[in-house]
Amino acid sequence: MTTPRDLLILTMDVASSAPVGQGDLSLALAGAELIDLGEAQALTLDDDRIVPGPQTALGDRLLDEAASALIREAPYETVEDWLWRRGRGLSSAYLDDLGAEGETTRPRHQWIPFRSDAATLTDSPARRRATDRWTSGEPVLAFLAAAVGIHEEPAEDAATLVDDRVVTVLAAVNDAVRELEAVRQRRSIENAAFDNIWRGQ
């Protein structure tokens, strides 16, 4: 299993006071891909620029897809640009992949044959591995979980727990999630103002 898959499983498994936004999750998944690609030596970071390494099979369809999507011409892509480009719809892609592998199930109602509820996790080795990684306090997963709001950020500074490459990715994920929330708030304010105009207020 990979960090993106583990993160998705945790967002489905860990009780949270508020559901995880799909946009927030997609950004974090794109960041998790960069972290795993770096661990596999499929890329390095030059400051915040993603420098691709040799293309090799990584044993995971979506991670291989991510590696193939890296821009291989200088000046290369920034981590921030990658998060927004790769992150678009990424949570749905990972959820579909879990379903295709039998890691999730969608209960169907006999009396409404075309309706299905939200996907739920099956009791699988992948789920147990993600849970083990979570309960062990693995820092990368903990910081990504904090970014999407399902966990408090670890008390220790990230720089003391992970290397500079991972710190750069985690910081970019946090900035992107905050930027997305700011966009949501602006739209909410604009929509409320528009509604007030129609109501004559």
N, C-alpha and C. Protein backbone atom coordinates (compact mmCIF):
# COMPACT_ATOMS: atom_id res chain seq x y z
N MET A 1 0.84 -1.19 0.00
CA MET A 1 0.00 0.00 0.00
C MET A 1 0.88 1.25 0.00
N THR A 2 0.27 2.36 -0.36
CA THR A 2 1.00 3.62 -0.48
C THR A 2 0.44 4.64 0.51
N THR A 3 1.19 5.72 0.70
CA THR A 3 0.72 6.77 1.61
C THR A 3 -0.61 7.36 1.16
N PRO A 4 -0.82 7.65 -0.14
CA PRO A 4 -2.14 8.16 -0.54
C PRO A 4 -3.28 7.20 -0.19
N ARG A 5 -3.09 5.91 -0.43
CA ARG A 5 -4.14 4.94 -0.11
C ARG A 5 -4.38 4.87 1.40
N ASP A 6 -3.28 4.87 2.16
CA ASP A 6 -3.43 4.84 3.62
C ASP A 6 -4.19 6.07 4.11
N LEU A 7 -3.87 7.23 3.53
CA LEU A 7 -4.55 8.47 3.94
C LEU A 7 -6.03 8.41 3.61
N LEU A 8 -6.37 7.93 2.41
CA LEU A 8 -7.78 7.82 2.03
C LEU A 8 -8.52 6.88 2.99
N ILE A 9 -7.91 5.73 3.28
CA ILE A 9 -8.53 4.78 4.20
C ILE A 9 -8.77 5.42 5.56
N LEU A 10 -7.81 6.19 6.03
CA LEU A 10 -7.97 6.84 7.34
C LEU A 10 -9.10 7.86 7.33
N THR A 11 -9.23 8.62 6.24
CA THR A 11 -10.31 9.60 6.19
C THR A 11 -11.68 8.93 6.21
N MET A 12 -11.74 7.68 5.75
CA MET A 12 -12.99 6.94 5.77
C MET A 12 -13.20 6.22 7.10
N ASP A 13 -12.11 6.00 7.81
CA ASP A 13 -12.14 5.12 8.99
C ASP A 13 -12.15 5.87 10.31
N VAL A 14 -11.49 7.01 10.35
CA VAL A 14 -11.31 7.73 11.61
C VAL A 14 -12.50 8.65 11.84
N ALA A 15 -13.09 8.53 13.01
CA ALA A 15 -14.22 9.38 13.35
C ALA A 15 -13.78 10.84 13.35
N SER A 16 -14.59 11.70 12.76
CA SER A 16 -14.26 13.12 12.69
C SER A 16 -15.52 13.93 12.91
N SER A 17 -15.37 15.10 13.52
CA SER A 17 -16.53 15.95 13.79
C SER A 17 -17.10 16.54 12.50
N ALA A 18 -16.29 16.61 11.47
CA ALA A 18 -16.75 17.15 10.19
C ALA A 18 -16.19 16.29 9.06
N PRO A 19 -16.98 16.08 8.01
CA PRO A 19 -16.47 15.28 6.89
C PRO A 19 -15.31 15.99 6.20
N VAL A 20 -14.43 15.21 5.61
CA VAL A 20 -13.28 15.76 4.91
C VAL A 20 -13.72 16.27 3.54
N GLY A 21 -13.36 17.50 3.22
CA GLY A 21 -13.67 18.05 1.90
C GLY A 21 -12.92 17.31 0.82
N GLN A 22 -13.60 17.01 -0.29
CA GLN A 22 -12.95 16.26 -1.37
C GLN A 22 -11.79 17.03 -1.97
N GLY A 23 -11.92 18.35 -2.04
CA GLY A 23 -10.82 19.17 -2.55
C GLY A 23 -9.61 19.11 -1.64
N ASP A 24 -9.85 19.24 -0.33
CA ASP A 24 -8.75 19.16 0.64
C ASP A 24 -8.06 17.81 0.53
N LEU A 25 -8.86 16.75 0.46
CA LEU A 25 -8.31 15.41 0.39
C LEU A 25 -7.51 15.21 -0.90
N SER A 26 -8.02 15.71 -2.00
CA SER A 26 -7.32 15.56 -3.28
C SER A 26 -5.95 16.24 -3.25
N LEU A 27 -5.88 17.42 -2.65
CA LEU A 27 -4.60 18.12 -2.52
C LEU A 27 -3.63 17.32 -1.66
N ALA A 28 -4.12 16.78 -0.55
CA ALA A 28 -3.27 16.00 0.34
C ALA A 28 -2.81 14.70 -0.32
N LEU A 29 -3.69 14.08 -1.11
CA LEU A 29 -3.31 12.87 -1.83
C LEU A 29 -2.20 13.15 -2.85
N ALA A 30 -2.31 14.29 -3.54
CA ALA A 30 -1.26 14.66 -4.49
C ALA A 30 0.07 14.89 -3.77
N GLY A 31 0.01 15.48 -2.58
CA GLY A 31 1.22 15.65 -1.78
C GLY A 31 1.78 14.31 -1.32
N ALA A 32 0.89 13.42 -0.92
CA ALA A 32 1.33 12.08 -0.49
C ALA A 32 2.01 11.34 -1.63
N GLU A 33 1.50 11.53 -2.84
CA GLU A 33 2.16 10.91 -4.00
C GLU A 33 3.59 11.40 -4.15
N LEU A 34 3.80 12.71 -4.00
CA LEU A 34 5.15 13.25 -4.12
C LEU A 34 6.07 12.66 -3.06
N ILE A 35 5.56 12.51 -1.85
CA ILE A 35 6.37 11.94 -0.77
C ILE A 35 6.78 10.51 -1.11
N ASP A 36 5.83 9.72 -1.58
CA ASP A 36 6.14 8.33 -1.94
C ASP A 36 7.07 8.25 -3.14
N LEU A 37 6.87 9.12 -4.12
CA LEU A 37 7.75 9.13 -5.29
C LEU A 37 9.18 9.52 -4.89
N GLY A 38 9.29 10.42 -3.93
CA GLY A 38 10.61 10.77 -3.44
C GLY A 38 11.27 9.61 -2.72
N GLU A 39 10.49 8.89 -1.92
CA GLU A 39 11.02 7.71 -1.21
C GLU A 39 11.49 6.65 -2.20
N ALA A 40 10.80 6.55 -3.33
CA ALA A 40 11.16 5.58 -4.36
C ALA A 40 12.25 6.09 -5.30
N GLN A 41 12.75 7.30 -5.01
CA GLN A 41 13.80 7.93 -5.81
C GLN A 41 13.35 8.18 -7.25
N ALA A 42 12.04 8.37 -7.40
CA ALA A 42 11.50 8.72 -8.70
C ALA A 42 11.54 10.23 -8.93
N LEU A 43 11.89 10.99 -7.90
CA LEU A 43 12.04 12.44 -8.02
C LEU A 43 12.91 12.95 -6.88
N THR A 44 13.43 14.15 -7.09
CA THR A 44 14.08 14.92 -6.02
C THR A 44 13.50 16.32 -6.08
N LEU A 45 13.73 17.09 -5.04
CA LEU A 45 13.30 18.48 -5.03
C LEU A 45 14.51 19.39 -5.07
N ASP A 46 14.45 20.38 -5.96
CA ASP A 46 15.44 21.45 -6.02
C ASP A 46 14.73 22.69 -5.52
N ASP A 47 14.92 23.00 -4.23
CA ASP A 47 14.10 23.99 -3.55
C ASP A 47 12.66 23.50 -3.61
N ASP A 48 11.76 24.19 -4.35
CA ASP A 48 10.38 23.68 -4.44
C ASP A 48 10.07 23.16 -5.84
N ARG A 49 11.09 22.94 -6.63
CA ARG A 49 10.90 22.40 -7.99
C ARG A 49 11.05 20.88 -7.99
N ILE A 50 10.16 20.21 -8.70
CA ILE A 50 10.15 18.74 -8.75
C ILE A 50 11.02 18.29 -9.91
N VAL A 51 12.13 17.65 -9.59
CA VAL A 51 13.06 17.16 -10.61
C VAL A 51 12.85 15.65 -10.76
N PRO A 52 12.30 15.20 -11.89
CA PRO A 52 12.01 13.77 -12.05
C PRO A 52 13.28 12.93 -12.08
N GLY A 53 13.17 11.72 -11.57
CA GLY A 53 14.24 10.74 -11.66
C GLY A 53 13.92 9.74 -12.75
N PRO A 54 14.63 8.62 -12.78
CA PRO A 54 14.36 7.58 -13.78
C PRO A 54 12.95 7.02 -13.63
N GLN A 55 12.31 6.72 -14.74
CA GLN A 55 10.98 6.13 -14.72
C GLN A 55 11.09 4.61 -14.55
N THR A 56 10.60 4.13 -13.42
CA THR A 56 10.57 2.69 -13.17
C THR A 56 9.20 2.31 -12.62
N ALA A 57 8.82 1.07 -12.81
CA ALA A 57 7.52 0.60 -12.30
C ALA A 57 7.56 0.58 -10.78
N LEU A 58 6.54 1.13 -10.16
CA LEU A 58 6.50 1.25 -8.70
C LEU A 58 5.55 0.26 -8.05
N GLY A 59 4.82 -0.51 -8.87
CA GLY A 59 3.94 -1.53 -8.32
C GLY A 59 2.59 -1.04 -7.86
N ASP A 60 2.27 0.22 -8.19
CA ASP A 60 0.96 0.76 -7.84
C ASP A 60 0.48 1.58 -9.03
N ARG A 61 -0.71 1.28 -9.52
CA ARG A 61 -1.18 1.90 -10.75
C ARG A 61 -1.21 3.43 -10.68
N LEU A 62 -1.79 3.97 -9.60
CA LEU A 62 -1.93 5.42 -9.51
C LEU A 62 -0.60 6.10 -9.23
N LEU A 63 0.28 5.44 -8.51
CA LEU A 63 1.60 6.02 -8.27
C LEU A 63 2.43 6.00 -9.56
N ASP A 64 2.29 4.93 -10.34
CA ASP A 64 2.94 4.90 -11.66
C ASP A 64 2.39 6.01 -12.55
N GLU A 65 1.08 6.22 -12.47
CA GLU A 65 0.45 7.28 -13.25
C GLU A 65 1.00 8.64 -12.83
N ALA A 66 1.16 8.83 -11.51
CA ALA A 66 1.71 10.08 -11.00
C ALA A 66 3.13 10.30 -11.51
N ALA A 67 3.94 9.25 -11.48
CA ALA A 67 5.32 9.37 -11.95
C ALA A 67 5.35 9.75 -13.43
N SER A 68 4.44 9.18 -14.21
CA SER A 68 4.38 9.48 -15.64
C SER A 68 3.91 10.91 -15.90
N ALA A 69 3.19 11.47 -14.92
CA ALA A 69 2.65 12.82 -15.09
C ALA A 69 3.63 13.92 -14.72
N LEU A 70 4.78 13.56 -14.17
CA LEU A 70 5.78 14.57 -13.80
C LEU A 70 6.28 15.29 -15.05
N ILE A 71 6.44 16.59 -14.94
CA ILE A 71 6.97 17.38 -16.04
C ILE A 71 8.49 17.20 -16.08
N ARG A 72 8.99 16.79 -17.24
CA ARG A 72 10.40 16.38 -17.35
C ARG A 72 11.26 17.39 -18.11
N GLU A 73 10.79 18.60 -18.20
CA GLU A 73 11.59 19.64 -18.86
C GLU A 73 11.80 20.80 -17.88
N ALA A 74 13.04 21.32 -17.85
CA ALA A 74 13.35 22.49 -17.04
C ALA A 74 12.51 23.68 -17.51
N PRO A 75 12.06 24.57 -16.61
CA PRO A 75 12.49 24.69 -15.21
C PRO A 75 11.73 23.77 -14.24
N TYR A 76 11.01 22.81 -14.73
CA TYR A 76 10.25 21.86 -13.93
C TYR A 76 9.09 22.55 -13.20
N GLU A 77 8.30 21.75 -12.55
CA GLU A 77 7.06 22.22 -11.92
C GLU A 77 7.30 22.44 -10.43
N THR A 78 6.64 23.44 -9.87
CA THR A 78 6.73 23.63 -8.42
C THR A 78 5.80 22.63 -7.73
N VAL A 79 6.09 22.40 -6.46
CA VAL A 79 5.23 21.51 -5.66
C VAL A 79 3.81 22.05 -5.65
N GLU A 80 3.67 23.36 -5.46
CA GLU A 80 2.33 23.96 -5.42
C GLU A 80 1.57 23.72 -6.71
N ASP A 81 2.22 23.94 -7.85
CA ASP A 81 1.55 23.73 -9.14
C ASP A 81 1.15 22.27 -9.32
N TRP A 82 2.02 21.36 -8.88
CA TRP A 82 1.69 19.93 -8.95
C TRP A 82 0.43 19.61 -8.15
N LEU A 83 0.35 20.14 -6.94
CA LEU A 83 -0.80 19.84 -6.09
C LEU A 83 -2.10 20.23 -6.77
N TRP A 84 -2.12 21.41 -7.39
CA TRP A 84 -3.36 21.87 -8.03
C TRP A 84 -3.64 21.11 -9.33
N ARG A 85 -2.58 20.79 -10.08
CA ARG A 85 -2.79 20.09 -11.35
C ARG A 85 -3.14 18.63 -11.13
N ARG A 86 -2.32 17.93 -10.38
CA ARG A 86 -2.53 16.50 -10.15
C ARG A 86 -3.72 16.26 -9.23
N GLY A 87 -3.96 17.19 -8.31
CA GLY A 87 -5.00 16.97 -7.30
C GLY A 87 -6.42 16.99 -7.83
N ARG A 88 -6.62 17.56 -8.99
CA ARG A 88 -8.00 17.70 -9.51
C ARG A 88 -8.67 16.32 -9.64
N GLY A 89 -9.70 16.09 -8.82
CA GLY A 89 -10.46 14.84 -8.88
C GLY A 89 -9.72 13.62 -8.37
N LEU A 90 -8.58 13.83 -7.67
CA LEU A 90 -7.74 12.69 -7.31
C LEU A 90 -8.39 11.81 -6.24
N SER A 91 -9.17 12.41 -5.34
CA SER A 91 -9.80 11.59 -4.30
C SER A 91 -10.78 10.59 -4.91
N SER A 92 -11.49 11.00 -5.96
CA SER A 92 -12.41 10.08 -6.63
C SER A 92 -11.65 8.95 -7.32
N ALA A 93 -10.49 9.28 -7.91
CA ALA A 93 -9.69 8.26 -8.59
C ALA A 93 -9.21 7.20 -7.60
N TYR A 94 -8.75 7.66 -6.43
CA TYR A 94 -8.27 6.70 -5.43
C TYR A 94 -9.42 5.89 -4.85
N LEU A 95 -10.57 6.53 -4.65
CA LEU A 95 -11.73 5.80 -4.12
C LEU A 95 -12.20 4.75 -5.12
N ASP A 96 -12.23 5.10 -6.40
CA ASP A 96 -12.60 4.13 -7.43
C ASP A 96 -11.63 2.96 -7.45
N ASP A 97 -10.35 3.27 -7.28
CA ASP A 97 -9.33 2.22 -7.29
C ASP A 97 -9.50 1.27 -6.11
N LEU A 98 -9.79 1.83 -4.94
CA LEU A 98 -10.05 0.96 -3.78
C LEU A 98 -11.24 0.06 -4.03
N GLY A 99 -12.28 0.61 -4.64
CA GLY A 99 -13.46 -0.18 -4.94
C GLY A 99 -13.16 -1.29 -5.93
N ALA A 100 -12.35 -0.97 -6.96
CA ALA A 100 -12.01 -1.98 -7.97
C ALA A 100 -11.20 -3.12 -7.37
N GLU A 101 -10.47 -2.83 -6.30
CA GLU A 101 -9.65 -3.86 -5.65
C GLU A 101 -10.40 -4.57 -4.52
N GLY A 102 -11.68 -4.25 -4.36
CA GLY A 102 -12.48 -4.91 -3.33
C GLY A 102 -12.23 -4.41 -1.92
N GLU A 103 -11.60 -3.21 -1.81
CA GLU A 103 -11.31 -2.66 -0.49
C GLU A 103 -12.51 -1.90 0.09
N THR A 104 -13.48 -1.59 -0.76
CA THR A 104 -14.68 -0.90 -0.30
C THR A 104 -15.91 -1.62 -0.85
N THR A 105 -17.03 -1.31 -0.23
CA THR A 105 -18.30 -1.86 -0.71
C THR A 105 -19.36 -0.77 -0.66
N ARG A 106 -20.34 -0.86 -1.52
CA ARG A 106 -21.45 0.11 -1.53
C ARG A 106 -22.75 -0.66 -1.35
N PRO A 107 -23.36 -0.56 -0.17
CA PRO A 107 -24.62 -1.28 0.04
C PRO A 107 -25.72 -0.79 -0.88
N ARG A 108 -26.45 -1.72 -1.43
CA ARG A 108 -27.56 -1.37 -2.33
C ARG A 108 -28.89 -1.68 -1.67
N HIS A 109 -29.88 -0.88 -2.01
CA HIS A 109 -31.23 -1.08 -1.47
C HIS A 109 -32.04 -1.88 -2.49
N GLN A 110 -32.62 -2.97 -2.04
CA GLN A 110 -33.38 -3.81 -2.96
C GLN A 110 -34.57 -3.07 -3.56
N TRP A 111 -35.15 -2.17 -2.76
CA TRP A 111 -36.34 -1.50 -3.26
C TRP A 111 -36.01 -0.29 -4.14
N ILE A 112 -34.73 0.14 -4.16
CA ILE A 112 -34.29 1.20 -5.07
C ILE A 112 -33.02 0.69 -5.74
N PRO A 113 -33.14 -0.09 -6.80
CA PRO A 113 -32.00 -0.82 -7.35
C PRO A 113 -30.85 0.05 -7.82
N PHE A 114 -31.10 1.29 -8.22
CA PHE A 114 -30.01 2.11 -8.76
C PHE A 114 -29.41 3.03 -7.72
N ARG A 115 -29.90 2.98 -6.49
CA ARG A 115 -29.35 3.84 -5.45
C ARG A 115 -28.32 3.07 -4.65
N SER A 116 -27.21 3.72 -4.34
CA SER A 116 -26.22 3.11 -3.46
C SER A 116 -25.72 4.16 -2.48
N ASP A 117 -25.45 3.74 -1.26
CA ASP A 117 -24.95 4.64 -0.24
C ASP A 117 -23.45 4.84 -0.43
N ALA A 118 -22.90 5.70 0.40
CA ALA A 118 -21.47 5.97 0.33
C ALA A 118 -20.67 4.69 0.53
N ALA A 119 -19.52 4.66 -0.10
CA ALA A 119 -18.65 3.48 0.02
C ALA A 119 -18.19 3.32 1.46
N THR A 120 -18.13 2.08 1.90
CA THR A 120 -17.59 1.77 3.22
C THR A 120 -16.44 0.78 3.06
N LEU A 121 -15.52 0.82 4.00
CA LEU A 121 -14.34 -0.03 3.92
C LEU A 121 -14.67 -1.46 4.29
N THR A 122 -14.04 -2.38 3.61
CA THR A 122 -14.13 -3.79 4.01
C THR A 122 -13.02 -4.07 5.03
N ASP A 123 -13.16 -5.17 5.74
CA ASP A 123 -12.13 -5.56 6.71
C ASP A 123 -11.02 -6.27 5.93
N SER A 124 -10.06 -5.50 5.49
CA SER A 124 -9.03 -6.03 4.58
C SER A 124 -7.64 -5.83 5.17
N PRO A 125 -6.65 -6.55 4.64
CA PRO A 125 -5.27 -6.32 5.06
C PRO A 125 -4.82 -4.88 4.86
N ALA A 126 -5.29 -4.24 3.77
CA ALA A 126 -4.91 -2.85 3.50
C ALA A 126 -5.42 -1.94 4.60
N ARG A 127 -6.65 -2.18 5.03
CA ARG A 127 -7.21 -1.36 6.11
C ARG A 127 -6.43 -1.57 7.40
N ARG A 128 -6.07 -2.81 7.67
CA ARG A 128 -5.32 -3.08 8.91
C ARG A 128 -3.93 -2.47 8.85
N ARG A 129 -3.29 -2.49 7.67
CA ARG A 129 -1.96 -1.88 7.54
C ARG A 129 -2.05 -0.37 7.75
N ALA A 130 -3.07 0.26 7.17
CA ALA A 130 -3.23 1.71 7.35
C ALA A 130 -3.47 2.04 8.81
N THR A 131 -4.28 1.23 9.48
CA THR A 131 -4.56 1.45 10.91
C THR A 131 -3.30 1.28 11.74
N ASP A 132 -2.51 0.26 11.43
CA ASP A 132 -1.25 0.05 12.16
C ASP A 132 -0.32 1.23 11.98
N ARG A 133 -0.25 1.73 10.77
CA ARG A 133 0.62 2.88 10.50
C ARG A 133 0.13 4.11 11.26
N TRP A 134 -1.18 4.25 11.34
CA TRP A 134 -1.79 5.38 12.04
C TRP A 134 -1.54 5.30 13.55
N THR A 135 -1.80 4.14 14.12
CA THR A 135 -1.66 4.00 15.58
C THR A 135 -0.20 4.04 16.01
N SER A 136 0.72 3.77 15.09
CA SER A 136 2.14 3.85 15.44
C SER A 136 2.64 5.29 15.49
N GLY A 137 1.79 6.22 15.05
CA GLY A 137 2.17 7.63 15.08
C GLY A 137 3.13 8.04 13.98
N GLU A 138 3.09 7.32 12.85
CA GLU A 138 3.99 7.62 11.74
C GLU A 138 3.81 9.10 11.34
N PRO A 139 4.89 9.91 11.36
CA PRO A 139 4.73 11.36 11.25
C PRO A 139 4.17 11.86 9.92
N VAL A 140 4.57 11.27 8.79
CA VAL A 140 4.07 11.74 7.49
C VAL A 140 2.55 11.62 7.45
N LEU A 141 2.05 10.48 7.85
CA LEU A 141 0.60 10.26 7.84
C LEU A 141 -0.09 11.19 8.83
N ALA A 142 0.53 11.41 9.98
CA ALA A 142 -0.05 12.29 11.00
C ALA A 142 -0.17 13.72 10.48
N PHE A 143 0.87 14.23 9.82
CA PHE A 143 0.82 15.60 9.31
C PHE A 143 -0.17 15.74 8.16
N LEU A 144 -0.25 14.75 7.29
CA LEU A 144 -1.24 14.79 6.21
C LEU A 144 -2.66 14.73 6.76
N ALA A 145 -2.87 13.89 7.77
CA ALA A 145 -4.19 13.80 8.40
C ALA A 145 -4.57 15.12 9.04
N ALA A 146 -3.59 15.80 9.64
CA ALA A 146 -3.85 17.11 10.23
C ALA A 146 -4.25 18.13 9.17
N ALA A 147 -3.61 18.04 8.00
CA ALA A 147 -3.90 18.98 6.91
C ALA A 147 -5.34 18.89 6.45
N VAL A 148 -5.92 17.68 6.48
CA VAL A 148 -7.31 17.53 6.03
C VAL A 148 -8.30 17.55 7.19
N GLY A 149 -7.80 17.79 8.41
CA GLY A 149 -8.68 18.03 9.54
C GLY A 149 -9.17 16.83 10.30
N ILE A 150 -8.50 15.67 10.18
CA ILE A 150 -8.97 14.49 10.93
C ILE A 150 -8.04 14.17 12.11
N HIS A 151 -7.10 15.07 12.37
CA HIS A 151 -6.14 14.81 13.44
C HIS A 151 -5.50 16.13 13.84
N GLU A 152 -5.17 16.26 15.11
CA GLU A 152 -4.41 17.42 15.54
C GLU A 152 -2.99 17.32 15.01
N GLU A 153 -2.41 18.44 14.62
CA GLU A 153 -1.04 18.41 14.14
C GLU A 153 -0.10 17.97 15.26
N PRO A 154 0.86 17.10 14.98
CA PRO A 154 1.79 16.66 16.01
C PRO A 154 2.46 17.85 16.70
N ALA A 155 2.70 17.70 18.00
CA ALA A 155 3.28 18.80 18.78
C ALA A 155 4.70 19.12 18.33
N GLU A 156 5.43 18.11 17.89
CA GLU A 156 6.80 18.35 17.44
C GLU A 156 6.81 18.99 16.07
N ASP A 157 7.83 19.82 15.83
CA ASP A 157 7.99 20.46 14.53
C ASP A 157 8.30 19.41 13.47
N ALA A 158 7.71 19.58 12.29
CA ALA A 158 7.91 18.59 11.23
C ALA A 158 9.39 18.41 10.90
N ALA A 159 10.15 19.50 10.96
CA ALA A 159 11.57 19.43 10.58
C ALA A 159 12.37 18.50 11.48
N THR A 160 11.86 18.25 12.69
CA THR A 160 12.58 17.33 13.60
C THR A 160 12.19 15.88 13.36
N LEU A 161 11.14 15.65 12.56
CA LEU A 161 10.62 14.30 12.37
C LEU A 161 10.84 13.74 10.97
N VAL A 162 10.89 14.63 9.98
CA VAL A 162 11.02 14.18 8.58
C VAL A 162 12.08 15.02 7.88
N ASP A 163 12.50 14.59 6.69
CA ASP A 163 13.57 15.31 6.00
C ASP A 163 13.03 16.57 5.30
N ASP A 164 13.97 17.37 4.78
CA ASP A 164 13.59 18.67 4.20
C ASP A 164 12.63 18.52 3.03
N ARG A 165 12.83 17.48 2.22
CA ARG A 165 11.95 17.26 1.06
C ARG A 165 10.51 17.08 1.50
N VAL A 166 10.30 16.28 2.55
CA VAL A 166 8.95 16.03 3.04
C VAL A 166 8.38 17.29 3.69
N VAL A 167 9.22 18.04 4.41
CA VAL A 167 8.76 19.30 5.02
C VAL A 167 8.25 20.25 3.94
N THR A 168 8.98 20.34 2.82
CA THR A 168 8.56 21.22 1.72
C THR A 168 7.19 20.81 1.18
N VAL A 169 6.97 19.51 1.00
CA VAL A 169 5.69 19.02 0.48
C VAL A 169 4.58 19.28 1.49
N LEU A 170 4.82 18.97 2.75
CA LEU A 170 3.80 19.16 3.78
C LEU A 170 3.40 20.63 3.89
N ALA A 171 4.39 21.53 3.83
CA ALA A 171 4.09 22.96 3.91
C ALA A 171 3.23 23.39 2.72
N ALA A 172 3.56 22.87 1.52
CA ALA A 172 2.77 23.22 0.33
C ALA A 172 1.35 22.70 0.43
N VAL A 173 1.17 21.50 0.97
CA VAL A 173 -0.18 20.94 1.16
C VAL A 173 -0.98 21.83 2.10
N ASN A 174 -0.39 22.21 3.22
CA ASN A 174 -1.09 23.07 4.17
C ASN A 174 -1.48 24.40 3.55
N ASP A 175 -0.55 25.00 2.79
CA ASP A 175 -0.85 26.28 2.14
C ASP A 175 -1.98 26.13 1.13
N ALA A 176 -1.97 25.05 0.35
CA ALA A 176 -3.00 24.84 -0.67
C ALA A 176 -4.37 24.61 -0.03
N VAL A 177 -4.41 23.85 1.06
CA VAL A 177 -5.68 23.60 1.75
C VAL A 177 -6.23 24.91 2.31
N ARG A 178 -5.36 25.74 2.87
CA ARG A 178 -5.81 27.05 3.39
C ARG A 178 -6.31 27.94 2.26
N GLU A 179 -5.62 27.89 1.13
CA GLU A 179 -6.05 28.69 -0.02
C GLU A 179 -7.42 28.23 -0.52
N LEU A 180 -7.63 26.92 -0.56
CA LEU A 180 -8.91 26.39 -0.99
C LEU A 180 -10.02 26.82 -0.04
N GLU A 181 -9.75 26.80 1.26
CA GLU A 181 -10.74 27.23 2.25
C GLU A 181 -11.06 28.71 2.08
N ALA A 182 -10.05 29.54 1.77
CA ALA A 182 -10.28 30.96 1.55
C ALA A 182 -11.18 31.18 0.35
N VAL A 183 -10.97 30.38 -0.71
CA VAL A 183 -11.83 30.47 -1.89
C VAL A 183 -13.26 30.11 -1.53
N ARG A 184 -13.43 29.04 -0.74
CA ARG A 184 -14.78 28.63 -0.32
C ARG A 184 -15.47 29.75 0.46
N GLN A 185 -14.74 30.38 1.36
CA GLN A 185 -15.33 31.43 2.18
C GLN A 185 -15.73 32.63 1.33
N ARG A 186 -14.87 32.98 0.36
CA ARG A 186 -15.20 34.09 -0.53
C ARG A 186 -16.47 33.80 -1.31
N ARG A 187 -16.56 32.58 -1.83
CA ARG A 187 -17.76 32.21 -2.61
C ARG A 187 -18.99 32.23 -1.73
N SER A 188 -18.85 31.78 -0.50
CA SER A 188 -19.99 31.77 0.42
C SER A 188 -20.48 33.19 0.68
N ILE A 189 -19.53 34.11 0.88
CA ILE A 189 -19.89 35.51 1.13
C ILE A 189 -20.55 36.12 -0.11
N GLU A 190 -19.97 35.83 -1.29
CA GLU A 190 -20.54 36.35 -2.53
C GLU A 190 -21.94 35.81 -2.78
N ASN A 191 -22.14 34.52 -2.51
CA ASN A 191 -23.46 33.91 -2.72
C ASN A 191 -24.48 34.50 -1.76
N ALA A 192 -24.05 34.73 -0.50
CA ALA A 192 -24.97 35.32 0.48
C ALA A 192 -25.36 36.73 0.07
N ALA A 193 -24.40 37.50 -0.43
CA ALA A 193 -24.70 38.86 -0.89
C ALA A 193 -25.66 38.83 -2.07
N PHE A 194 -25.45 37.89 -2.99
CA PHE A 194 -26.33 37.76 -4.15
C PHE A 194 -27.74 37.40 -3.72
N ASP A 195 -27.86 36.48 -2.74
CA ASP A 195 -29.18 36.11 -2.24
C ASP A 195 -29.88 37.30 -1.60
N ASN A 196 -29.11 38.11 -0.88
CA ASN A 196 -29.71 39.28 -0.22
C ASN A 196 -30.24 40.28 -1.24
N ILE A 197 -29.54 40.42 -2.37
CA ILE A 197 -30.01 41.35 -3.42
C ILE A 197 -31.37 40.89 -3.93
N TRP A 198 -31.52 39.59 -4.16
CA TRP A 198 -32.79 39.06 -4.67
C TRP A 198 -33.90 39.16 -3.65
N ARG A 199 -33.53 39.13 -2.39
CA ARG A 199 -34.55 39.27 -1.34
C ARG A 199 -34.87 40.73 -1.05
N GLY A 200 -34.15 41.64 -1.71
CA GLY A 200 -34.40 43.05 -1.50
C GLY A 200 -33.80 43.59 -0.22
N GLN A 201 -32.78 42.92 0.31
CA GLN A 201 -32.16 43.37 1.56
C GLN A 201 -30.98 44.26 1.27
